[in-house]
Amino acid sequence: MNVILWVAQALLAVLFAGAGGMKIAMSPESLIPLMPWVVDFAPETVKAIGVVEVLGAAGLILPAATSTAPLLTPIAAAGLGVVMVGGTAVHIARSEYSAGLANGVVLAAAVLVARGRFRPRQTPDAIPTR
């Protein structure tokens, strides 16, 4: 299960770092062909979403990889899941159903990582015997 979680974390991190980086680096006018929903939001909101996504991407990898505050990894995954819930709602409201479905798949992956990494580790001493 650990390998599956790491693969999911890596894929999510690449996805969110790329999408968030585009939202930060590109102008709203440049984003419209790629992300038509940006017309419904202030440029500052789009940039803020990008910052959250980039920080979330870092949170998926760095704490678990360095064993420094590893609890931050499932928190980052849960936070990105919340972002995906919002994204799914926006796409459905705009009748962009295929984009909403894609967000739903990303949401499922984020939930998998959050659930898998929140799970307490059991040591042989912690396993009850009968």
N, C-alpha and C. Protein backbone atom coordinates (compact mmCIF):
# COMPACT_ATOMS: atom_id res chain seq x y z
N MET A 1 0.82 -1.20 0.00
CA MET A 1 0.00 0.00 0.00
C MET A 1 0.86 1.26 0.00
N ASN A 2 2.02 1.20 0.64
CA ASN A 2 2.91 2.34 0.70
C ASN A 2 3.35 2.79 -0.70
N VAL A 3 3.63 1.84 -1.58
CA VAL A 3 4.04 2.17 -2.94
C VAL A 3 2.90 2.86 -3.69
N ILE A 4 1.70 2.35 -3.54
CA ILE A 4 0.53 2.97 -4.19
C ILE A 4 0.35 4.40 -3.70
N LEU A 5 0.50 4.61 -2.41
CA LEU A 5 0.35 5.96 -1.86
C LEU A 5 1.43 6.89 -2.40
N TRP A 6 2.67 6.41 -2.48
CA TRP A 6 3.75 7.26 -3.00
C TRP A 6 3.52 7.61 -4.47
N VAL A 7 3.05 6.64 -5.25
CA VAL A 7 2.75 6.92 -6.66
C VAL A 7 1.64 7.95 -6.77
N ALA A 8 0.58 7.77 -5.98
CA ALA A 8 -0.52 8.74 -6.00
C ALA A 8 -0.05 10.12 -5.55
N GLN A 9 0.77 10.17 -4.51
CA GLN A 9 1.31 11.44 -4.03
C GLN A 9 2.13 12.12 -5.12
N ALA A 10 2.99 11.36 -5.78
CA ALA A 10 3.85 11.93 -6.82
C ALA A 10 3.02 12.47 -7.98
N LEU A 11 2.04 11.69 -8.42
CA LEU A 11 1.20 12.13 -9.54
C LEU A 11 0.40 13.39 -9.16
N LEU A 12 -0.16 13.38 -7.96
CA LEU A 12 -0.90 14.56 -7.50
C LEU A 12 0.02 15.77 -7.37
N ALA A 13 1.22 15.56 -6.86
CA ALA A 13 2.16 16.67 -6.69
C ALA A 13 2.53 17.28 -8.04
N VAL A 14 2.79 16.46 -9.03
CA VAL A 14 3.13 16.96 -10.37
C VAL A 14 1.93 17.72 -10.95
N LEU A 15 0.76 17.14 -10.81
CA LEU A 15 -0.45 17.78 -11.34
C LEU A 15 -0.70 19.14 -10.69
N PHE A 16 -0.68 19.19 -9.37
CA PHE A 16 -0.98 20.43 -8.67
C PHE A 16 0.14 21.46 -8.80
N ALA A 17 1.39 21.02 -8.83
CA ALA A 17 2.49 21.97 -9.02
C ALA A 17 2.40 22.60 -10.41
N GLY A 18 2.07 21.80 -11.41
CA GLY A 18 1.94 22.33 -12.77
C GLY A 18 0.76 23.26 -12.91
N ALA A 19 -0.41 22.82 -12.46
CA ALA A 19 -1.61 23.65 -12.59
C ALA A 19 -1.50 24.91 -11.74
N GLY A 20 -1.00 24.76 -10.53
CA GLY A 20 -0.85 25.92 -9.65
C GLY A 20 0.20 26.88 -10.17
N GLY A 21 1.29 26.34 -10.69
CA GLY A 21 2.34 27.19 -11.25
C GLY A 21 1.84 28.00 -12.43
N MET A 22 1.01 27.38 -13.26
CA MET A 22 0.42 28.12 -14.39
C MET A 22 -0.47 29.25 -13.89
N LYS A 23 -1.26 28.99 -12.87
CA LYS A 23 -2.16 30.01 -12.33
C LYS A 23 -1.37 31.18 -11.73
N ILE A 24 -0.21 30.88 -11.16
CA ILE A 24 0.63 31.92 -10.58
C ILE A 24 1.37 32.71 -11.66
N ALA A 25 1.94 32.01 -12.62
CA ALA A 25 2.85 32.63 -13.58
C ALA A 25 2.15 33.30 -14.76
N MET A 26 1.00 32.79 -15.16
CA MET A 26 0.35 33.29 -16.37
C MET A 26 -0.69 34.35 -16.04
N SER A 27 -0.91 35.24 -16.99
CA SER A 27 -1.95 36.25 -16.81
C SER A 27 -3.32 35.60 -16.98
N PRO A 28 -4.36 36.19 -16.40
CA PRO A 28 -5.70 35.62 -16.56
C PRO A 28 -6.11 35.50 -18.03
N GLU A 29 -5.71 36.46 -18.85
CA GLU A 29 -6.04 36.40 -20.28
C GLU A 29 -5.38 35.20 -20.95
N SER A 30 -4.16 34.87 -20.53
CA SER A 30 -3.46 33.72 -21.09
C SER A 30 -4.06 32.40 -20.61
N LEU A 31 -4.67 32.43 -19.45
CA LEU A 31 -5.25 31.21 -18.90
C LEU A 31 -6.61 30.86 -19.50
N ILE A 32 -7.31 31.84 -20.02
CA ILE A 32 -8.69 31.61 -20.49
C ILE A 32 -8.79 30.46 -21.49
N PRO A 33 -7.91 30.35 -22.49
CA PRO A 33 -8.04 29.20 -23.41
C PRO A 33 -7.83 27.85 -22.73
N LEU A 34 -7.00 27.83 -21.68
CA LEU A 34 -6.70 26.58 -20.98
C LEU A 34 -7.70 26.28 -19.87
N MET A 35 -8.13 27.33 -19.20
CA MET A 35 -9.03 27.22 -18.04
C MET A 35 -10.12 28.27 -18.17
N PRO A 36 -11.16 27.98 -18.93
CA PRO A 36 -12.18 29.01 -19.19
C PRO A 36 -12.89 29.53 -17.94
N TRP A 37 -12.87 28.78 -16.87
CA TRP A 37 -13.55 29.18 -15.64
C TRP A 37 -12.93 30.43 -15.01
N VAL A 38 -11.70 30.79 -15.38
CA VAL A 38 -11.06 31.94 -14.73
C VAL A 38 -11.80 33.25 -15.00
N VAL A 39 -12.63 33.29 -16.03
CA VAL A 39 -13.39 34.52 -16.30
C VAL A 39 -14.39 34.82 -15.18
N ASP A 40 -14.75 33.81 -14.41
CA ASP A 40 -15.72 33.98 -13.33
C ASP A 40 -15.09 34.43 -12.01
N PHE A 41 -13.77 34.57 -11.97
CA PHE A 41 -13.08 34.87 -10.72
C PHE A 41 -12.13 36.05 -10.90
N ALA A 42 -11.90 36.75 -9.81
CA ALA A 42 -10.93 37.84 -9.82
C ALA A 42 -9.53 37.27 -10.02
N PRO A 43 -8.64 38.02 -10.68
CA PRO A 43 -7.28 37.52 -10.89
C PRO A 43 -6.58 37.14 -9.59
N GLU A 44 -6.84 37.89 -8.52
CA GLU A 44 -6.22 37.58 -7.23
C GLU A 44 -6.69 36.23 -6.70
N THR A 45 -7.94 35.90 -6.95
CA THR A 45 -8.47 34.60 -6.51
C THR A 45 -7.80 33.47 -7.27
N VAL A 46 -7.63 33.64 -8.56
CA VAL A 46 -6.97 32.61 -9.37
C VAL A 46 -5.53 32.42 -8.90
N LYS A 47 -4.83 33.51 -8.63
CA LYS A 47 -3.45 33.42 -8.12
C LYS A 47 -3.43 32.72 -6.75
N ALA A 48 -4.39 33.05 -5.89
CA ALA A 48 -4.46 32.43 -4.56
C ALA A 48 -4.69 30.92 -4.69
N ILE A 49 -5.56 30.52 -5.60
CA ILE A 49 -5.78 29.09 -5.83
C ILE A 49 -4.48 28.43 -6.28
N GLY A 50 -3.74 29.12 -7.15
CA GLY A 50 -2.45 28.59 -7.61
C GLY A 50 -1.46 28.43 -6.48
N VAL A 51 -1.40 29.40 -5.58
CA VAL A 51 -0.49 29.31 -4.43
C VAL A 51 -0.88 28.13 -3.54
N VAL A 52 -2.17 27.97 -3.29
CA VAL A 52 -2.64 26.84 -2.47
C VAL A 52 -2.26 25.52 -3.13
N GLU A 53 -2.42 25.43 -4.44
CA GLU A 53 -2.10 24.19 -5.14
C GLU A 53 -0.60 23.88 -5.09
N VAL A 54 0.24 24.89 -5.28
CA VAL A 54 1.69 24.66 -5.23
C VAL A 54 2.13 24.27 -3.81
N LEU A 55 1.61 24.96 -2.81
CA LEU A 55 1.94 24.60 -1.43
C LEU A 55 1.43 23.20 -1.09
N GLY A 56 0.24 22.87 -1.58
CA GLY A 56 -0.29 21.52 -1.36
C GLY A 56 0.57 20.46 -2.02
N ALA A 57 1.07 20.75 -3.22
CA ALA A 57 1.95 19.81 -3.91
C ALA A 57 3.22 19.56 -3.10
N ALA A 58 3.78 20.64 -2.56
CA ALA A 58 4.97 20.47 -1.71
C ALA A 58 4.62 19.69 -0.46
N GLY A 59 3.45 19.95 0.10
CA GLY A 59 3.02 19.24 1.31
C GLY A 59 2.77 17.77 1.09
N LEU A 60 2.48 17.37 -0.13
CA LEU A 60 2.28 15.95 -0.43
C LEU A 60 3.58 15.17 -0.37
N ILE A 61 4.69 15.83 -0.71
CA ILE A 61 5.96 15.12 -0.84
C ILE A 61 6.93 15.39 0.30
N LEU A 62 7.19 16.66 0.57
CA LEU A 62 8.29 17.00 1.48
C LEU A 62 8.16 16.45 2.89
N PRO A 63 7.03 16.59 3.57
CA PRO A 63 6.98 16.07 4.96
C PRO A 63 7.18 14.56 5.03
N ALA A 64 6.56 13.83 4.11
CA ALA A 64 6.70 12.37 4.15
C ALA A 64 8.11 11.94 3.72
N ALA A 65 8.68 12.62 2.74
CA ALA A 65 10.01 12.24 2.25
C ALA A 65 11.10 12.55 3.26
N THR A 66 10.94 13.61 4.03
CA THR A 66 11.98 14.00 4.98
C THR A 66 11.70 13.51 6.40
N SER A 67 10.56 12.91 6.60
CA SER A 67 10.11 12.47 7.94
C SER A 67 10.08 13.63 8.93
N THR A 68 9.88 14.83 8.40
CA THR A 68 9.73 16.02 9.23
C THR A 68 8.25 16.39 9.21
N ALA A 69 7.58 16.24 10.32
CA ALA A 69 6.15 16.51 10.44
C ALA A 69 5.35 15.76 9.38
N PRO A 70 5.46 14.42 9.34
CA PRO A 70 4.77 13.66 8.30
C PRO A 70 3.25 13.79 8.36
N LEU A 71 2.71 14.27 9.46
CA LEU A 71 1.27 14.49 9.55
C LEU A 71 0.81 15.55 8.54
N LEU A 72 1.73 16.39 8.10
CA LEU A 72 1.36 17.42 7.12
C LEU A 72 0.99 16.84 5.76
N THR A 73 1.48 15.66 5.43
CA THR A 73 1.17 15.05 4.14
C THR A 73 -0.31 14.74 4.00
N PRO A 74 -0.93 14.02 4.94
CA PRO A 74 -2.37 13.79 4.78
C PRO A 74 -3.19 15.07 4.92
N ILE A 75 -2.70 16.02 5.69
CA ILE A 75 -3.41 17.30 5.79
C ILE A 75 -3.38 18.02 4.45
N ALA A 76 -2.23 17.99 3.77
CA ALA A 76 -2.12 18.59 2.44
C ALA A 76 -3.05 17.88 1.46
N ALA A 77 -3.09 16.57 1.52
CA ALA A 77 -3.97 15.81 0.63
C ALA A 77 -5.44 16.15 0.89
N ALA A 78 -5.81 16.26 2.15
CA ALA A 78 -7.19 16.62 2.48
C ALA A 78 -7.51 18.04 2.01
N GLY A 79 -6.57 18.95 2.19
CA GLY A 79 -6.77 20.32 1.72
C GLY A 79 -6.93 20.40 0.21
N LEU A 80 -6.12 19.64 -0.51
CA LEU A 80 -6.26 19.61 -1.96
C LEU A 80 -7.57 18.95 -2.37
N GLY A 81 -8.03 18.01 -1.56
CA GLY A 81 -9.35 17.42 -1.81
C GLY A 81 -10.45 18.47 -1.71
N VAL A 82 -10.32 19.36 -0.73
CA VAL A 82 -11.30 20.46 -0.59
C VAL A 82 -11.24 21.37 -1.82
N VAL A 83 -10.04 21.64 -2.30
CA VAL A 83 -9.89 22.45 -3.52
C VAL A 83 -10.61 21.75 -4.68
N MET A 84 -10.47 20.45 -4.78
CA MET A 84 -11.11 19.71 -5.86
C MET A 84 -12.64 19.68 -5.73
N VAL A 85 -13.14 19.66 -4.51
CA VAL A 85 -14.60 19.76 -4.33
C VAL A 85 -15.09 21.08 -4.89
N GLY A 86 -14.37 22.15 -4.57
CA GLY A 86 -14.74 23.46 -5.10
C GLY A 86 -14.62 23.50 -6.61
N GLY A 87 -13.56 22.94 -7.14
CA GLY A 87 -13.38 22.91 -8.59
C GLY A 87 -14.47 22.11 -9.29
N THR A 88 -14.82 20.99 -8.70
CA THR A 88 -15.89 20.17 -9.28
C THR A 88 -17.20 20.95 -9.30
N ALA A 89 -17.50 21.64 -8.21
CA ALA A 89 -18.73 22.44 -8.14
C ALA A 89 -18.74 23.54 -9.20
N VAL A 90 -17.60 24.20 -9.38
CA VAL A 90 -17.52 25.26 -10.40
C VAL A 90 -17.75 24.68 -11.79
N HIS A 91 -17.11 23.57 -12.09
CA HIS A 91 -17.26 22.98 -13.43
C HIS A 91 -18.69 22.50 -13.67
N ILE A 92 -19.30 21.91 -12.69
CA ILE A 92 -20.68 21.45 -12.86
C ILE A 92 -21.61 22.65 -13.04
N ALA A 93 -21.40 23.71 -12.26
CA ALA A 93 -22.22 24.92 -12.40
C ALA A 93 -22.06 25.54 -13.78
N ARG A 94 -20.90 25.39 -14.38
CA ARG A 94 -20.64 25.94 -15.72
C ARG A 94 -20.98 24.93 -16.82
N SER A 95 -21.57 23.81 -16.47
CA SER A 95 -21.92 22.73 -17.40
C SER A 95 -20.70 22.15 -18.11
N GLU A 96 -19.56 22.17 -17.44
CA GLU A 96 -18.33 21.57 -17.95
C GLU A 96 -18.17 20.20 -17.29
N TYR A 97 -19.00 19.27 -17.73
CA TYR A 97 -19.12 17.99 -17.03
C TYR A 97 -17.87 17.13 -17.14
N SER A 98 -17.17 17.17 -18.27
CA SER A 98 -15.97 16.34 -18.38
C SER A 98 -14.87 16.87 -17.45
N ALA A 99 -14.77 18.19 -17.32
CA ALA A 99 -13.79 18.76 -16.38
C ALA A 99 -14.20 18.44 -14.94
N GLY A 100 -15.49 18.47 -14.67
CA GLY A 100 -15.98 18.10 -13.34
C GLY A 100 -15.66 16.65 -13.01
N LEU A 101 -15.80 15.78 -13.99
CA LEU A 101 -15.46 14.37 -13.79
C LEU A 101 -13.97 14.20 -13.53
N ALA A 102 -13.14 14.93 -14.28
CA ALA A 102 -11.69 14.87 -14.06
C ALA A 102 -11.35 15.33 -12.65
N ASN A 103 -11.99 16.41 -12.20
CA ASN A 103 -11.76 16.87 -10.83
C ASN A 103 -12.20 15.81 -9.82
N GLY A 104 -13.27 15.10 -10.12
CA GLY A 104 -13.72 14.04 -9.24
C GLY A 104 -12.70 12.92 -9.11
N VAL A 105 -12.04 12.59 -10.21
CA VAL A 105 -11.00 11.55 -10.18
C VAL A 105 -9.80 12.02 -9.33
N VAL A 106 -9.42 13.29 -9.51
CA VAL A 106 -8.31 13.84 -8.71
C VAL A 106 -8.72 13.87 -7.24
N LEU A 107 -9.96 14.23 -6.97
CA LEU A 107 -10.48 14.21 -5.60
C LEU A 107 -10.36 12.82 -4.99
N ALA A 108 -10.72 11.80 -5.75
CA ALA A 108 -10.62 10.42 -5.24
C ALA A 108 -9.17 10.06 -4.90
N ALA A 109 -8.24 10.48 -5.74
CA ALA A 109 -6.83 10.21 -5.46
C ALA A 109 -6.37 10.95 -4.20
N ALA A 110 -6.82 12.19 -4.03
CA ALA A 110 -6.44 12.95 -2.84
C ALA A 110 -7.02 12.31 -1.58
N VAL A 111 -8.24 11.82 -1.67
CA VAL A 111 -8.87 11.13 -0.53
C VAL A 111 -8.10 9.85 -0.21
N LEU A 112 -7.68 9.12 -1.24
CA LEU A 112 -6.89 7.90 -1.03
C LEU A 112 -5.62 8.22 -0.26
N VAL A 113 -4.92 9.27 -0.66
CA VAL A 113 -3.67 9.64 0.02
C VAL A 113 -3.96 10.10 1.44
N ALA A 114 -4.97 10.95 1.61
CA ALA A 114 -5.28 11.44 2.96
C ALA A 114 -5.64 10.29 3.88
N ARG A 115 -6.48 9.40 3.41
CA ARG A 115 -6.90 8.25 4.23
C ARG A 115 -5.73 7.32 4.52
N GLY A 116 -4.95 7.04 3.50
CA GLY A 116 -3.83 6.12 3.67
C GLY A 116 -2.74 6.66 4.58
N ARG A 117 -2.51 7.96 4.53
CA ARG A 117 -1.45 8.55 5.36
C ARG A 117 -1.93 8.95 6.75
N PHE A 118 -3.23 9.12 6.95
CA PHE A 118 -3.75 9.40 8.29
C PHE A 118 -3.79 8.15 9.15
N ARG A 119 -3.84 7.01 8.50
CA ARG A 119 -3.97 5.74 9.20
C ARG A 119 -2.81 5.56 10.17
N PRO A 120 -3.09 5.28 11.44
CA PRO A 120 -1.99 5.11 12.40
C PRO A 120 -1.16 3.87 12.07
N ARG A 121 0.11 4.00 12.27
CA ARG A 121 1.01 2.88 12.04
C ARG A 121 0.95 1.93 13.24
N GLN A 122 0.88 0.64 12.95
CA GLN A 122 0.85 -0.34 14.03
C GLN A 122 2.20 -1.05 14.09
N THR A 123 2.73 -1.09 15.27
CA THR A 123 3.96 -1.84 15.48
C THR A 123 3.58 -3.22 16.00
N PRO A 124 4.47 -4.17 15.93
CA PRO A 124 4.14 -5.51 16.43
C PRO A 124 3.69 -5.49 17.89
N ASP A 125 4.21 -4.55 18.71
CA ASP A 125 3.81 -4.48 20.11
C ASP A 125 2.39 -3.96 20.26
N ALA A 126 1.91 -3.20 19.25
CA ALA A 126 0.58 -2.61 19.35
C ALA A 126 -0.51 -3.54 18.86
N ILE A 127 -0.14 -4.65 18.25
CA ILE A 127 -1.16 -5.58 17.74
C ILE A 127 -1.66 -6.43 18.91
N PRO A 128 -2.97 -6.39 19.15
CA PRO A 128 -3.49 -7.17 20.27
C PRO A 128 -3.37 -8.68 20.00
N THR A 129 -3.12 -9.41 21.05
CA THR A 129 -3.06 -10.88 20.95
C THR A 129 -4.25 -11.45 21.70
N ARG A 130 -4.64 -12.65 21.30
CA ARG A 130 -5.78 -13.30 21.96
C ARG A 130 -5.34 -14.36 22.88
